[in-house]
N, C-alpha and C. Protein backbone atom coordinates (compact mmCIF):
# COMPACT_ATOMS: atom_id res chain seq x y z
N MET A 1 -47.46 31.98 -268.88
CA MET A 1 -46.20 31.62 -269.52
C MET A 1 -45.28 30.93 -268.51
N GLU A 2 -44.68 29.84 -268.94
CA GLU A 2 -43.78 29.10 -268.06
C GLU A 2 -42.34 29.26 -268.54
N LEU A 3 -41.50 29.84 -267.66
CA LEU A 3 -40.09 30.00 -267.97
C LEU A 3 -39.36 28.67 -267.81
N TYR A 4 -38.21 28.57 -268.45
CA TYR A 4 -37.36 27.41 -268.19
C TYR A 4 -36.97 27.41 -266.71
N PRO A 5 -36.88 26.22 -266.09
CA PRO A 5 -36.69 26.15 -264.63
C PRO A 5 -35.51 26.95 -264.09
N GLU A 6 -34.35 26.84 -264.73
CA GLU A 6 -33.19 27.56 -264.23
C GLU A 6 -33.37 29.07 -264.38
N LEU A 7 -34.03 29.47 -265.45
CA LEU A 7 -34.31 30.88 -265.65
C LEU A 7 -35.31 31.38 -264.62
N ALA A 8 -36.29 30.56 -264.29
CA ALA A 8 -37.26 30.94 -263.25
C ALA A 8 -36.55 31.16 -261.91
N ASN A 9 -35.54 30.35 -261.63
CA ASN A 9 -34.75 30.55 -260.40
C ASN A 9 -34.02 31.89 -260.44
N THR A 10 -33.48 32.25 -261.60
CA THR A 10 -32.81 33.53 -261.74
C THR A 10 -33.78 34.68 -261.52
N VAL A 11 -34.99 34.56 -262.04
CA VAL A 11 -36.01 35.60 -261.84
C VAL A 11 -36.33 35.74 -260.36
N ARG A 12 -36.44 34.64 -259.66
CA ARG A 12 -36.70 34.70 -258.22
C ARG A 12 -35.57 35.42 -257.48
N LYS A 13 -34.33 35.17 -257.89
CA LYS A 13 -33.19 35.87 -257.30
C LYS A 13 -33.28 37.37 -257.58
N ALA A 14 -33.62 37.69 -258.81
CA ALA A 14 -33.71 39.10 -259.20
C ALA A 14 -34.79 39.83 -258.41
N LEU A 15 -35.90 39.16 -258.17
CA LEU A 15 -37.00 39.78 -257.43
C LEU A 15 -36.63 40.07 -255.98
N LYS A 16 -35.64 39.37 -255.46
CA LYS A 16 -35.21 39.57 -254.08
C LYS A 16 -34.18 40.68 -253.92
N LEU A 17 -33.62 41.15 -255.04
CA LEU A 17 -32.60 42.19 -254.95
C LEU A 17 -33.23 43.52 -254.53
N PRO A 18 -32.59 44.22 -253.61
CA PRO A 18 -33.11 45.54 -253.22
C PRO A 18 -32.85 46.56 -254.32
N ILE A 19 -33.77 47.48 -254.48
CA ILE A 19 -33.61 48.59 -255.42
C ILE A 19 -33.67 49.88 -254.61
N SER A 20 -32.63 50.68 -254.70
CA SER A 20 -32.56 51.90 -253.89
C SER A 20 -33.60 52.91 -254.35
N GLU A 21 -33.93 53.84 -253.46
CA GLU A 21 -34.88 54.89 -253.80
C GLU A 21 -34.35 55.74 -254.96
N GLU A 22 -33.05 55.92 -255.00
CA GLU A 22 -32.43 56.67 -256.10
C GLU A 22 -32.67 55.98 -257.44
N ARG A 23 -32.49 54.66 -257.48
CA ARG A 23 -32.72 53.92 -258.72
C ARG A 23 -34.21 53.89 -259.08
N LYS A 24 -35.06 53.79 -258.07
CA LYS A 24 -36.51 53.80 -258.33
C LYS A 24 -36.92 55.12 -258.99
N ALA A 25 -36.30 56.21 -258.57
CA ALA A 25 -36.60 57.51 -259.18
C ALA A 25 -36.18 57.53 -260.64
N VAL A 26 -35.03 56.91 -260.94
CA VAL A 26 -34.57 56.81 -262.33
C VAL A 26 -35.57 55.98 -263.15
N LEU A 27 -35.99 54.86 -262.60
CA LEU A 27 -36.89 53.96 -263.32
C LEU A 27 -38.29 54.53 -263.47
N GLN A 28 -38.64 55.48 -262.61
CA GLN A 28 -39.98 56.06 -262.66
C GLN A 28 -40.24 56.76 -264.00
N LEU A 29 -39.20 57.29 -264.61
CA LEU A 29 -39.37 57.94 -265.91
C LEU A 29 -39.80 56.93 -266.97
N LEU A 30 -39.24 55.73 -266.90
CA LEU A 30 -39.61 54.67 -267.84
C LEU A 30 -41.01 54.15 -267.53
N ILE A 31 -41.30 53.99 -266.25
CA ILE A 31 -42.65 53.55 -265.85
C ILE A 31 -43.71 54.53 -266.35
N ARG A 32 -43.44 55.81 -266.18
CA ARG A 32 -44.40 56.84 -266.60
C ARG A 32 -44.64 56.80 -268.10
N TYR A 33 -43.58 56.62 -268.87
CA TYR A 33 -43.74 56.54 -270.33
C TYR A 33 -44.65 55.38 -270.71
N ILE A 34 -44.41 54.21 -270.13
CA ILE A 34 -45.22 53.04 -270.46
C ILE A 34 -46.67 53.24 -270.01
N LYS A 35 -46.86 53.82 -268.84
CA LYS A 35 -48.22 54.06 -268.34
C LYS A 35 -49.00 54.98 -269.26
N VAL A 36 -48.36 56.03 -269.74
CA VAL A 36 -49.03 56.97 -270.64
C VAL A 36 -49.43 56.27 -271.94
N LYS A 37 -48.52 55.47 -272.50
CA LYS A 37 -48.84 54.76 -273.73
C LYS A 37 -49.99 53.78 -273.51
N ARG A 38 -49.98 53.12 -272.36
CA ARG A 38 -51.07 52.19 -272.05
C ARG A 38 -52.40 52.94 -271.89
N TYR A 39 -52.35 54.08 -271.21
CA TYR A 39 -53.57 54.89 -271.00
C TYR A 39 -54.16 55.34 -272.33
N LEU A 40 -53.28 55.69 -273.26
CA LEU A 40 -53.74 56.14 -274.57
C LEU A 40 -54.13 54.98 -275.49
N GLY A 41 -53.86 53.76 -275.04
CA GLY A 41 -54.18 52.59 -275.86
C GLY A 41 -53.26 52.42 -277.04
N GLU A 42 -52.04 52.95 -276.92
CA GLU A 42 -51.08 52.89 -278.02
C GLU A 42 -50.02 51.84 -277.75
N PRO A 43 -49.57 51.14 -278.78
CA PRO A 43 -48.44 50.22 -278.59
C PRO A 43 -47.20 51.02 -278.25
N PHE A 44 -46.29 50.41 -277.52
CA PHE A 44 -45.07 51.15 -277.18
C PHE A 44 -43.84 50.33 -277.53
N HIS A 45 -42.79 51.07 -277.85
CA HIS A 45 -41.53 50.48 -278.29
C HIS A 45 -40.42 51.02 -277.40
N LEU A 46 -39.62 50.13 -276.85
CA LEU A 46 -38.49 50.51 -276.02
C LEU A 46 -37.21 50.15 -276.77
N ASN A 47 -36.39 51.16 -277.05
CA ASN A 47 -35.13 50.95 -277.76
C ASN A 47 -34.00 51.23 -276.77
N PHE A 48 -33.36 50.17 -276.30
CA PHE A 48 -32.29 50.29 -275.31
C PHE A 48 -30.98 50.56 -276.06
N ILE A 49 -30.33 51.67 -275.73
CA ILE A 49 -29.21 52.14 -276.53
C ILE A 49 -27.93 52.24 -275.69
N CYS A 50 -26.87 51.66 -276.21
CA CYS A 50 -25.54 51.78 -275.64
C CYS A 50 -24.56 51.88 -276.81
N THR A 51 -23.37 52.34 -276.56
CA THR A 51 -22.45 52.67 -277.66
C THR A 51 -22.29 51.53 -278.66
N HIS A 52 -21.94 50.33 -278.18
CA HIS A 52 -21.63 49.22 -279.07
C HIS A 52 -22.74 48.18 -279.20
N ASN A 53 -23.85 48.37 -278.50
CA ASN A 53 -24.93 47.37 -278.49
C ASN A 53 -24.34 45.98 -278.27
N SER A 54 -23.57 45.87 -277.20
CA SER A 54 -22.80 44.65 -276.97
C SER A 54 -23.09 43.98 -275.64
N ARG A 55 -23.34 44.77 -274.59
CA ARG A 55 -23.52 44.19 -273.25
C ARG A 55 -24.79 44.71 -272.58
N ARG A 56 -24.72 45.93 -272.04
CA ARG A 56 -25.82 46.46 -271.24
C ARG A 56 -27.13 46.63 -272.01
N SER A 57 -27.04 47.13 -273.22
CA SER A 57 -28.27 47.31 -274.01
C SER A 57 -28.89 45.97 -274.38
N GLN A 58 -28.06 44.96 -274.63
CA GLN A 58 -28.58 43.62 -274.94
C GLN A 58 -29.24 43.00 -273.70
N PHE A 59 -28.55 43.09 -272.56
CA PHE A 59 -29.16 42.61 -271.31
C PHE A 59 -30.52 43.28 -271.10
N SER A 60 -30.56 44.59 -271.32
CA SER A 60 -31.79 45.35 -271.05
C SER A 60 -32.93 44.94 -271.98
N GLN A 61 -32.62 44.80 -273.26
CA GLN A 61 -33.65 44.37 -274.21
C GLN A 61 -34.23 43.02 -273.81
N ILE A 62 -33.35 42.09 -273.51
CA ILE A 62 -33.78 40.72 -273.23
C ILE A 62 -34.58 40.65 -271.94
N TRP A 63 -34.09 41.29 -270.89
CA TRP A 63 -34.81 41.23 -269.61
C TRP A 63 -36.10 42.04 -269.64
N ALA A 64 -36.13 43.13 -270.39
CA ALA A 64 -37.37 43.90 -270.52
C ALA A 64 -38.45 43.06 -271.20
N LYS A 65 -38.04 42.32 -272.23
CA LYS A 65 -39.01 41.47 -272.93
C LYS A 65 -39.54 40.38 -272.01
N VAL A 66 -38.66 39.73 -271.27
CA VAL A 66 -39.10 38.69 -270.34
C VAL A 66 -40.02 39.29 -269.28
N ALA A 67 -39.65 40.43 -268.73
CA ALA A 67 -40.46 41.08 -267.69
C ALA A 67 -41.83 41.48 -268.22
N SER A 68 -41.88 41.97 -269.44
CA SER A 68 -43.16 42.37 -270.02
C SER A 68 -44.06 41.16 -270.24
N GLU A 69 -43.48 40.06 -270.67
CA GLU A 69 -44.27 38.84 -270.88
C GLU A 69 -44.78 38.30 -269.56
N LEU A 70 -43.96 38.31 -268.54
CA LEU A 70 -44.40 37.84 -267.22
C LEU A 70 -45.52 38.70 -266.67
N ALA A 71 -45.49 40.00 -266.99
CA ALA A 71 -46.53 40.91 -266.51
C ALA A 71 -47.77 40.90 -267.39
N GLY A 72 -47.71 40.22 -268.52
CA GLY A 72 -48.84 40.19 -269.44
C GLY A 72 -49.07 41.51 -270.16
N ILE A 73 -47.98 42.22 -270.42
CA ILE A 73 -48.07 43.54 -271.05
C ILE A 73 -47.32 43.50 -272.39
N PRO A 74 -48.02 43.63 -273.51
CA PRO A 74 -47.35 43.59 -274.81
C PRO A 74 -46.35 44.73 -274.94
N ALA A 75 -45.12 44.40 -275.31
CA ALA A 75 -44.08 45.42 -275.45
C ALA A 75 -43.13 45.00 -276.55
N ASN A 76 -42.75 45.97 -277.37
CA ASN A 76 -41.72 45.72 -278.38
C ASN A 76 -40.41 46.23 -277.82
N CYS A 77 -39.52 45.32 -277.48
CA CYS A 77 -38.25 45.67 -276.85
C CYS A 77 -37.11 45.37 -277.82
N VAL A 78 -36.35 46.39 -278.15
CA VAL A 78 -35.23 46.24 -279.07
C VAL A 78 -34.01 46.92 -278.46
N SER A 79 -32.88 46.80 -279.13
CA SER A 79 -31.68 47.48 -278.66
C SER A 79 -30.81 47.86 -279.84
N GLY A 80 -29.98 48.87 -279.64
CA GLY A 80 -29.08 49.32 -280.70
C GLY A 80 -27.94 50.12 -280.12
N GLY A 81 -27.00 50.49 -280.98
CA GLY A 81 -25.84 51.25 -280.54
C GLY A 81 -25.56 52.43 -281.45
N THR A 82 -24.54 53.16 -281.12
CA THR A 82 -24.10 54.23 -282.00
C THR A 82 -23.16 53.69 -283.07
N GLU A 83 -22.67 52.48 -282.85
CA GLU A 83 -21.87 51.78 -283.86
C GLU A 83 -22.06 50.28 -283.69
N VAL A 84 -21.77 49.52 -284.71
CA VAL A 84 -21.98 48.07 -284.70
C VAL A 84 -20.69 47.35 -284.33
N THR A 85 -20.80 46.42 -283.39
CA THR A 85 -19.67 45.54 -283.05
C THR A 85 -20.17 44.10 -283.08
N ALA A 86 -20.48 43.56 -281.92
CA ALA A 86 -21.08 42.22 -281.80
C ALA A 86 -21.62 42.08 -280.39
N PHE A 87 -22.62 41.23 -280.25
CA PHE A 87 -23.14 40.87 -278.93
C PHE A 87 -22.00 40.14 -278.23
N ASN A 88 -21.47 40.74 -277.16
CA ASN A 88 -20.26 40.20 -276.54
C ASN A 88 -20.48 38.77 -276.03
N PRO A 89 -19.61 37.83 -276.38
CA PRO A 89 -19.80 36.43 -275.97
C PRO A 89 -19.80 36.24 -274.46
N ARG A 90 -19.14 37.13 -273.70
CA ARG A 90 -19.17 37.02 -272.24
C ARG A 90 -20.59 37.29 -271.73
N ALA A 91 -21.26 38.25 -272.35
CA ALA A 91 -22.65 38.54 -271.98
C ALA A 91 -23.57 37.40 -272.37
N VAL A 92 -23.33 36.84 -273.55
CA VAL A 92 -24.11 35.69 -274.00
C VAL A 92 -23.95 34.53 -273.03
N ASP A 93 -22.71 34.26 -272.61
CA ASP A 93 -22.45 33.15 -271.67
C ASP A 93 -23.12 33.40 -270.33
N ALA A 94 -23.14 34.64 -269.87
CA ALA A 94 -23.79 34.96 -268.60
C ALA A 94 -25.28 34.64 -268.67
N LEU A 95 -25.91 35.01 -269.77
CA LEU A 95 -27.34 34.71 -269.93
C LEU A 95 -27.58 33.21 -269.99
N SER A 96 -26.69 32.50 -270.65
CA SER A 96 -26.81 31.04 -270.72
C SER A 96 -26.73 30.42 -269.33
N ARG A 97 -25.79 30.89 -268.52
CA ARG A 97 -25.66 30.37 -267.15
C ARG A 97 -26.88 30.69 -266.31
N GLN A 98 -27.57 31.75 -266.66
CA GLN A 98 -28.75 32.15 -265.89
C GLN A 98 -30.03 31.49 -266.37
N GLY A 99 -29.93 30.62 -267.37
CA GLY A 99 -31.08 29.79 -267.72
C GLY A 99 -31.70 30.01 -269.08
N PHE A 100 -31.21 30.97 -269.85
CA PHE A 100 -31.70 31.12 -271.22
C PHE A 100 -31.11 30.01 -272.10
N LYS A 101 -31.86 29.60 -273.10
CA LYS A 101 -31.36 28.65 -274.09
C LYS A 101 -30.97 29.44 -275.32
N ILE A 102 -29.72 29.34 -275.71
CA ILE A 102 -29.17 30.23 -276.73
C ILE A 102 -28.50 29.44 -277.85
N SER A 103 -28.81 29.84 -279.06
CA SER A 103 -28.13 29.28 -280.22
C SER A 103 -27.71 30.42 -281.14
N SER A 104 -26.71 30.16 -281.96
CA SER A 104 -26.20 31.16 -282.88
C SER A 104 -26.58 30.77 -284.30
N LYS A 105 -27.16 31.71 -285.03
CA LYS A 105 -27.61 31.43 -286.39
C LYS A 105 -26.47 31.53 -287.40
N GLU A 106 -25.53 32.39 -287.11
CA GLU A 106 -24.45 32.60 -288.08
C GLU A 106 -23.11 32.71 -287.35
N ASN A 107 -22.13 31.99 -287.82
CA ASN A 107 -20.80 32.04 -287.22
C ASN A 107 -19.97 33.08 -287.98
N VAL A 108 -20.26 34.36 -287.70
CA VAL A 108 -19.58 35.47 -288.36
C VAL A 108 -19.11 36.45 -287.29
N SER A 109 -18.57 37.58 -287.72
CA SER A 109 -18.05 38.54 -286.76
C SER A 109 -19.15 39.17 -285.90
N ASN A 110 -20.38 39.20 -286.42
CA ASN A 110 -21.52 39.73 -285.67
C ASN A 110 -22.65 38.70 -285.71
N PRO A 111 -22.54 37.63 -284.92
CA PRO A 111 -23.53 36.55 -284.98
C PRO A 111 -24.93 37.00 -284.58
N ILE A 112 -25.92 36.32 -285.12
CA ILE A 112 -27.31 36.53 -284.72
C ILE A 112 -27.67 35.42 -283.75
N TYR A 113 -28.00 35.80 -282.52
CA TYR A 113 -28.32 34.83 -281.48
C TYR A 113 -29.83 34.69 -281.32
N SER A 114 -30.26 33.48 -281.09
CA SER A 114 -31.65 33.19 -280.77
C SER A 114 -31.71 32.91 -279.27
N ILE A 115 -32.38 33.78 -278.53
CA ILE A 115 -32.43 33.72 -277.07
C ILE A 115 -33.81 33.22 -276.65
N SER A 116 -33.89 31.98 -276.18
CA SER A 116 -35.17 31.40 -275.78
C SER A 116 -35.34 31.44 -274.27
N TYR A 117 -36.53 31.80 -273.83
CA TYR A 117 -36.83 31.86 -272.40
C TYR A 117 -38.04 31.02 -272.00
N SER A 118 -38.82 30.59 -272.98
CA SER A 118 -40.00 29.77 -272.73
C SER A 118 -40.37 29.05 -274.02
N ASP A 119 -40.84 27.83 -273.90
CA ASP A 119 -41.30 27.11 -275.09
C ASP A 119 -42.62 27.69 -275.61
N GLN A 120 -43.23 28.57 -274.83
CA GLN A 120 -44.52 29.16 -275.21
C GLN A 120 -44.37 30.50 -275.90
N ARG A 121 -43.15 30.95 -276.12
CA ARG A 121 -42.92 32.24 -276.76
C ARG A 121 -41.83 32.10 -277.82
N GLU A 122 -41.88 32.98 -278.80
CA GLU A 122 -40.84 33.00 -279.83
C GLU A 122 -39.53 33.50 -279.22
N PRO A 123 -38.41 32.96 -279.66
CA PRO A 123 -37.12 33.44 -279.14
C PRO A 123 -36.88 34.90 -279.50
N ILE A 124 -36.05 35.54 -278.70
CA ILE A 124 -35.60 36.90 -278.98
C ILE A 124 -34.40 36.82 -279.93
N GLN A 125 -34.40 37.64 -280.97
CA GLN A 125 -33.27 37.69 -281.88
C GLN A 125 -32.34 38.81 -281.44
N ALA A 126 -31.09 38.49 -281.18
CA ALA A 126 -30.17 39.47 -280.61
C ALA A 126 -28.86 39.51 -281.40
N PHE A 127 -28.49 40.71 -281.80
CA PHE A 127 -27.21 40.93 -282.48
C PHE A 127 -26.92 42.43 -282.42
N SER A 128 -25.69 42.81 -282.67
CA SER A 128 -25.32 44.22 -282.60
C SER A 128 -25.81 44.96 -283.85
N LYS A 129 -26.37 46.15 -283.64
CA LYS A 129 -26.90 46.98 -284.73
C LYS A 129 -26.96 48.42 -284.25
N THR A 130 -27.11 49.35 -285.15
CA THR A 130 -27.29 50.74 -284.73
C THR A 130 -28.71 50.95 -284.23
N PHE A 131 -28.91 52.00 -283.44
CA PHE A 131 -30.24 52.24 -282.88
C PHE A 131 -31.27 52.52 -283.96
N SER A 132 -30.84 53.07 -285.10
CA SER A 132 -31.79 53.34 -286.18
C SER A 132 -32.19 52.05 -286.91
N GLU A 133 -31.30 51.07 -286.92
CA GLU A 133 -31.62 49.77 -287.53
C GLU A 133 -32.53 48.93 -286.65
N ALA A 134 -32.59 49.27 -285.36
CA ALA A 134 -33.34 48.44 -284.42
C ALA A 134 -34.84 48.61 -284.56
N VAL A 135 -35.27 49.71 -285.17
CA VAL A 135 -36.70 49.97 -285.35
C VAL A 135 -36.95 50.37 -286.80
N SER A 136 -38.20 50.24 -287.23
CA SER A 136 -38.52 50.67 -288.59
C SER A 136 -38.45 52.20 -288.65
N PRO A 137 -38.21 52.77 -289.82
CA PRO A 137 -37.94 54.21 -289.93
C PRO A 137 -39.01 55.13 -289.36
N ASP A 138 -40.27 54.69 -289.38
CA ASP A 138 -41.35 55.57 -288.92
C ASP A 138 -41.89 55.19 -287.54
N THR A 139 -41.15 54.37 -286.81
CA THR A 139 -41.60 53.94 -285.50
C THR A 139 -41.19 54.94 -284.41
N SER A 140 -42.17 55.38 -283.63
CA SER A 140 -41.86 56.22 -282.48
C SER A 140 -41.57 55.33 -281.29
N PHE A 141 -40.62 55.75 -280.46
CA PHE A 141 -40.18 54.89 -279.38
C PHE A 141 -39.57 55.71 -278.25
N ALA A 142 -39.34 55.06 -277.13
CA ALA A 142 -38.56 55.65 -276.05
C ALA A 142 -37.13 55.20 -276.22
N ALA A 143 -36.21 56.13 -276.25
CA ALA A 143 -34.78 55.82 -276.30
C ALA A 143 -34.29 55.68 -274.87
N VAL A 144 -34.02 54.46 -274.46
CA VAL A 144 -33.57 54.20 -273.09
C VAL A 144 -32.06 54.07 -273.11
N MET A 145 -31.38 55.07 -272.59
CA MET A 145 -29.93 55.17 -272.69
C MET A 145 -29.29 54.40 -271.53
N THR A 146 -28.60 53.30 -271.86
CA THR A 146 -28.07 52.43 -270.80
C THR A 146 -26.61 52.67 -270.46
N CYS A 147 -25.96 53.57 -271.18
CA CYS A 147 -24.57 53.90 -270.81
C CYS A 147 -24.33 55.39 -270.95
N ALA A 148 -23.42 55.92 -270.14
CA ALA A 148 -23.16 57.34 -270.12
C ALA A 148 -22.63 57.83 -271.46
N HIS A 149 -21.75 57.03 -272.10
CA HIS A 149 -21.14 57.46 -273.35
C HIS A 149 -22.18 57.68 -274.43
N ALA A 150 -23.10 56.73 -274.57
CA ALA A 150 -24.14 56.87 -275.59
C ALA A 150 -25.06 58.04 -275.26
N ASP A 151 -25.38 58.21 -273.98
CA ASP A 151 -26.26 59.29 -273.57
C ASP A 151 -25.64 60.65 -273.88
N GLU A 152 -24.35 60.77 -273.65
CA GLU A 152 -23.66 62.04 -273.83
C GLU A 152 -23.28 62.31 -275.29
N ASN A 153 -23.20 61.25 -276.11
CA ASN A 153 -22.73 61.40 -277.48
C ASN A 153 -23.82 61.20 -278.53
N CYS A 154 -25.06 61.12 -278.10
CA CYS A 154 -26.18 61.02 -279.03
C CYS A 154 -27.12 62.20 -278.77
N PRO A 155 -26.77 63.40 -279.25
CA PRO A 155 -27.61 64.57 -278.94
C PRO A 155 -29.00 64.49 -279.55
N TYR A 156 -29.15 63.74 -280.65
CA TYR A 156 -30.46 63.65 -281.29
C TYR A 156 -30.69 62.23 -281.79
N ILE A 157 -31.84 61.67 -281.43
CA ILE A 157 -32.19 60.33 -281.89
C ILE A 157 -33.54 60.43 -282.61
N PRO A 158 -33.55 60.29 -283.93
CA PRO A 158 -34.78 60.45 -284.70
C PRO A 158 -35.91 59.54 -284.22
N HIS A 159 -37.11 60.10 -284.19
CA HIS A 159 -38.35 59.39 -283.86
C HIS A 159 -38.48 59.01 -282.38
N ALA A 160 -37.52 59.39 -281.57
CA ALA A 160 -37.65 59.09 -280.14
C ALA A 160 -38.66 60.03 -279.50
N GLU A 161 -39.71 59.47 -278.92
CA GLU A 161 -40.70 60.29 -278.23
C GLU A 161 -40.13 60.83 -276.91
N GLU A 162 -39.36 59.97 -276.27
CA GLU A 162 -38.69 60.38 -275.04
C GLU A 162 -37.30 59.77 -274.99
N ARG A 163 -36.42 60.46 -274.30
CA ARG A 163 -35.07 59.98 -274.08
C ARG A 163 -34.92 59.77 -272.58
N ILE A 164 -34.73 58.52 -272.17
CA ILE A 164 -34.77 58.17 -270.76
C ILE A 164 -33.43 57.56 -270.35
N PRO A 165 -32.66 58.25 -269.51
CA PRO A 165 -31.38 57.68 -269.07
C PRO A 165 -31.58 56.65 -267.96
N VAL A 166 -31.19 55.42 -268.25
CA VAL A 166 -31.18 54.35 -267.24
C VAL A 166 -29.80 53.70 -267.34
N ARG A 167 -28.82 54.34 -266.74
CA ARG A 167 -27.43 53.96 -266.94
C ARG A 167 -26.99 52.81 -266.04
N TYR A 168 -26.13 51.97 -266.58
CA TYR A 168 -25.57 50.84 -265.83
C TYR A 168 -24.05 50.83 -265.97
N GLU A 169 -23.39 50.36 -264.94
CA GLU A 169 -21.93 50.20 -265.00
C GLU A 169 -21.59 49.08 -265.99
N ASP A 170 -20.51 49.25 -266.71
CA ASP A 170 -20.13 48.31 -267.76
C ASP A 170 -19.32 47.15 -267.18
N PRO A 171 -19.82 45.92 -267.35
CA PRO A 171 -19.03 44.77 -266.86
C PRO A 171 -17.74 44.55 -267.63
N LYS A 172 -17.59 45.27 -268.74
CA LYS A 172 -16.36 45.16 -269.53
C LYS A 172 -15.12 45.45 -268.68
N ALA A 173 -15.28 46.24 -267.63
CA ALA A 173 -14.15 46.59 -266.76
C ALA A 173 -13.50 45.36 -266.13
N PHE A 174 -14.24 44.24 -266.12
CA PHE A 174 -13.73 43.03 -265.48
C PHE A 174 -13.34 41.95 -266.49
N ASP A 175 -13.31 42.31 -267.77
CA ASP A 175 -12.89 41.33 -268.79
C ASP A 175 -11.49 40.80 -268.48
N ASP A 176 -11.35 39.48 -268.64
CA ASP A 176 -10.07 38.80 -268.46
C ASP A 176 -9.51 38.93 -267.04
N THR A 177 -10.42 39.03 -266.07
CA THR A 177 -10.03 39.02 -264.66
C THR A 177 -10.74 37.85 -263.99
N PRO A 178 -10.32 37.47 -262.77
CA PRO A 178 -11.00 36.38 -262.06
C PRO A 178 -12.46 36.69 -261.73
N LEU A 179 -12.83 37.97 -261.77
CA LEU A 179 -14.20 38.36 -261.43
C LEU A 179 -15.11 38.47 -262.65
N GLU A 180 -14.59 38.14 -263.82
CA GLU A 180 -15.34 38.36 -265.06
C GLU A 180 -16.74 37.75 -265.03
N SER A 181 -16.84 36.45 -264.82
CA SER A 181 -18.14 35.78 -264.87
C SER A 181 -19.09 36.33 -263.80
N GLU A 182 -18.55 36.53 -262.60
CA GLU A 182 -19.37 37.03 -261.49
C GLU A 182 -19.96 38.40 -261.82
N LYS A 183 -19.14 39.30 -262.38
CA LYS A 183 -19.59 40.66 -262.64
C LYS A 183 -20.58 40.73 -263.81
N TYR A 184 -20.40 39.88 -264.81
CA TYR A 184 -21.37 39.85 -265.90
C TYR A 184 -22.73 39.36 -265.40
N GLU A 185 -22.72 38.32 -264.59
CA GLU A 185 -23.98 37.82 -264.03
C GLU A 185 -24.60 38.83 -263.09
N GLU A 186 -23.75 39.52 -262.33
CA GLU A 186 -24.24 40.55 -261.40
C GLU A 186 -24.95 41.67 -262.15
N ARG A 187 -24.35 42.14 -263.25
CA ARG A 187 -24.99 43.21 -264.01
C ARG A 187 -26.27 42.73 -264.66
N SER A 188 -26.26 41.53 -265.22
CA SER A 188 -27.47 40.97 -265.81
C SER A 188 -28.58 40.86 -264.78
N LEU A 189 -28.24 40.42 -263.58
CA LEU A 189 -29.24 40.25 -262.53
C LEU A 189 -29.79 41.60 -262.08
N GLN A 190 -28.93 42.61 -261.99
CA GLN A 190 -29.41 43.94 -261.62
C GLN A 190 -30.41 44.45 -262.65
N ILE A 191 -30.07 44.29 -263.93
CA ILE A 191 -30.96 44.75 -264.98
C ILE A 191 -32.27 43.96 -264.95
N ALA A 192 -32.18 42.66 -264.71
CA ALA A 192 -33.39 41.84 -264.58
C ALA A 192 -34.26 42.38 -263.45
N SER A 193 -33.65 42.65 -262.32
CA SER A 193 -34.38 43.15 -261.16
C SER A 193 -35.12 44.45 -261.49
N GLU A 194 -34.43 45.34 -262.17
CA GLU A 194 -35.03 46.65 -262.45
C GLU A 194 -36.09 46.58 -263.54
N MET A 195 -35.91 45.75 -264.55
CA MET A 195 -36.95 45.60 -265.57
C MET A 195 -38.20 44.91 -264.98
N LEU A 196 -37.99 43.96 -264.09
CA LEU A 196 -39.12 43.33 -263.41
C LEU A 196 -39.86 44.34 -262.55
N TYR A 197 -39.12 45.22 -261.90
CA TYR A 197 -39.73 46.27 -261.08
C TYR A 197 -40.56 47.21 -261.96
N VAL A 198 -40.00 47.62 -263.10
CA VAL A 198 -40.72 48.51 -264.01
C VAL A 198 -42.06 47.92 -264.39
N PHE A 199 -42.06 46.69 -264.88
CA PHE A 199 -43.30 46.11 -265.39
C PHE A 199 -44.26 45.68 -264.28
N SER A 200 -43.73 45.48 -263.07
CA SER A 200 -44.63 45.18 -261.95
C SER A 200 -45.44 46.41 -261.55
N ASN A 201 -45.01 47.58 -262.00
CA ASN A 201 -45.71 48.83 -261.71
C ASN A 201 -46.66 49.27 -262.82
N ILE A 202 -46.84 48.39 -263.80
CA ILE A 202 -47.76 48.66 -264.91
C ILE A 202 -48.93 47.69 -264.81
N LYS A 203 -50.13 48.20 -264.86
CA LYS A 203 -51.30 47.33 -264.78
C LYS A 203 -51.55 46.68 -266.13
N SER A 204 -51.80 45.37 -266.10
CA SER A 204 -52.19 44.67 -267.34
C SER A 204 -53.68 44.86 -267.55
N LYS A 205 -54.12 44.71 -268.80
CA LYS A 205 -55.54 44.90 -269.11
C LYS A 205 -56.21 43.55 -269.33
């Protein structure tokens, strides 16, 4: 698979980022889940969950899908929230600057975005939704909790085989400041780095 050139540059940057031993321990829970599913020969579904499904969970879904494709490992990557808002336009713009090709299907309060990363793959469809809407009712999945609020306020998630906390700081703290663009790209790049690390530790068949 060939990524768009600017996106390929972003991936190279992400691969150079250091990952602390503490973060590797956090990510090991996700790696183990995927390895077990692969060993059993079962498809696996990753549902990245944050309160509003607006920033961190969207970044995680998108970068996990790209990382899985680069590793040659089939993965169903989705995201959801505890409530519906919209895919934050600041996060969308950060991904665009990092090389994704993005279009909006509907100009409404909760637009549906088409996120393209390669001409050889179907675009990712991204919009805000609840975690239960992100998967079919009978789908078993890993609930990957990307924010503390969602992790602490979702005591039970139906059909989740495992609940895996992989928390990220919210770039929302820098909205409408001079550091806004920098911090959104920084968080996206961190998530890219960690999703690439996860899938680099999974053997393809």
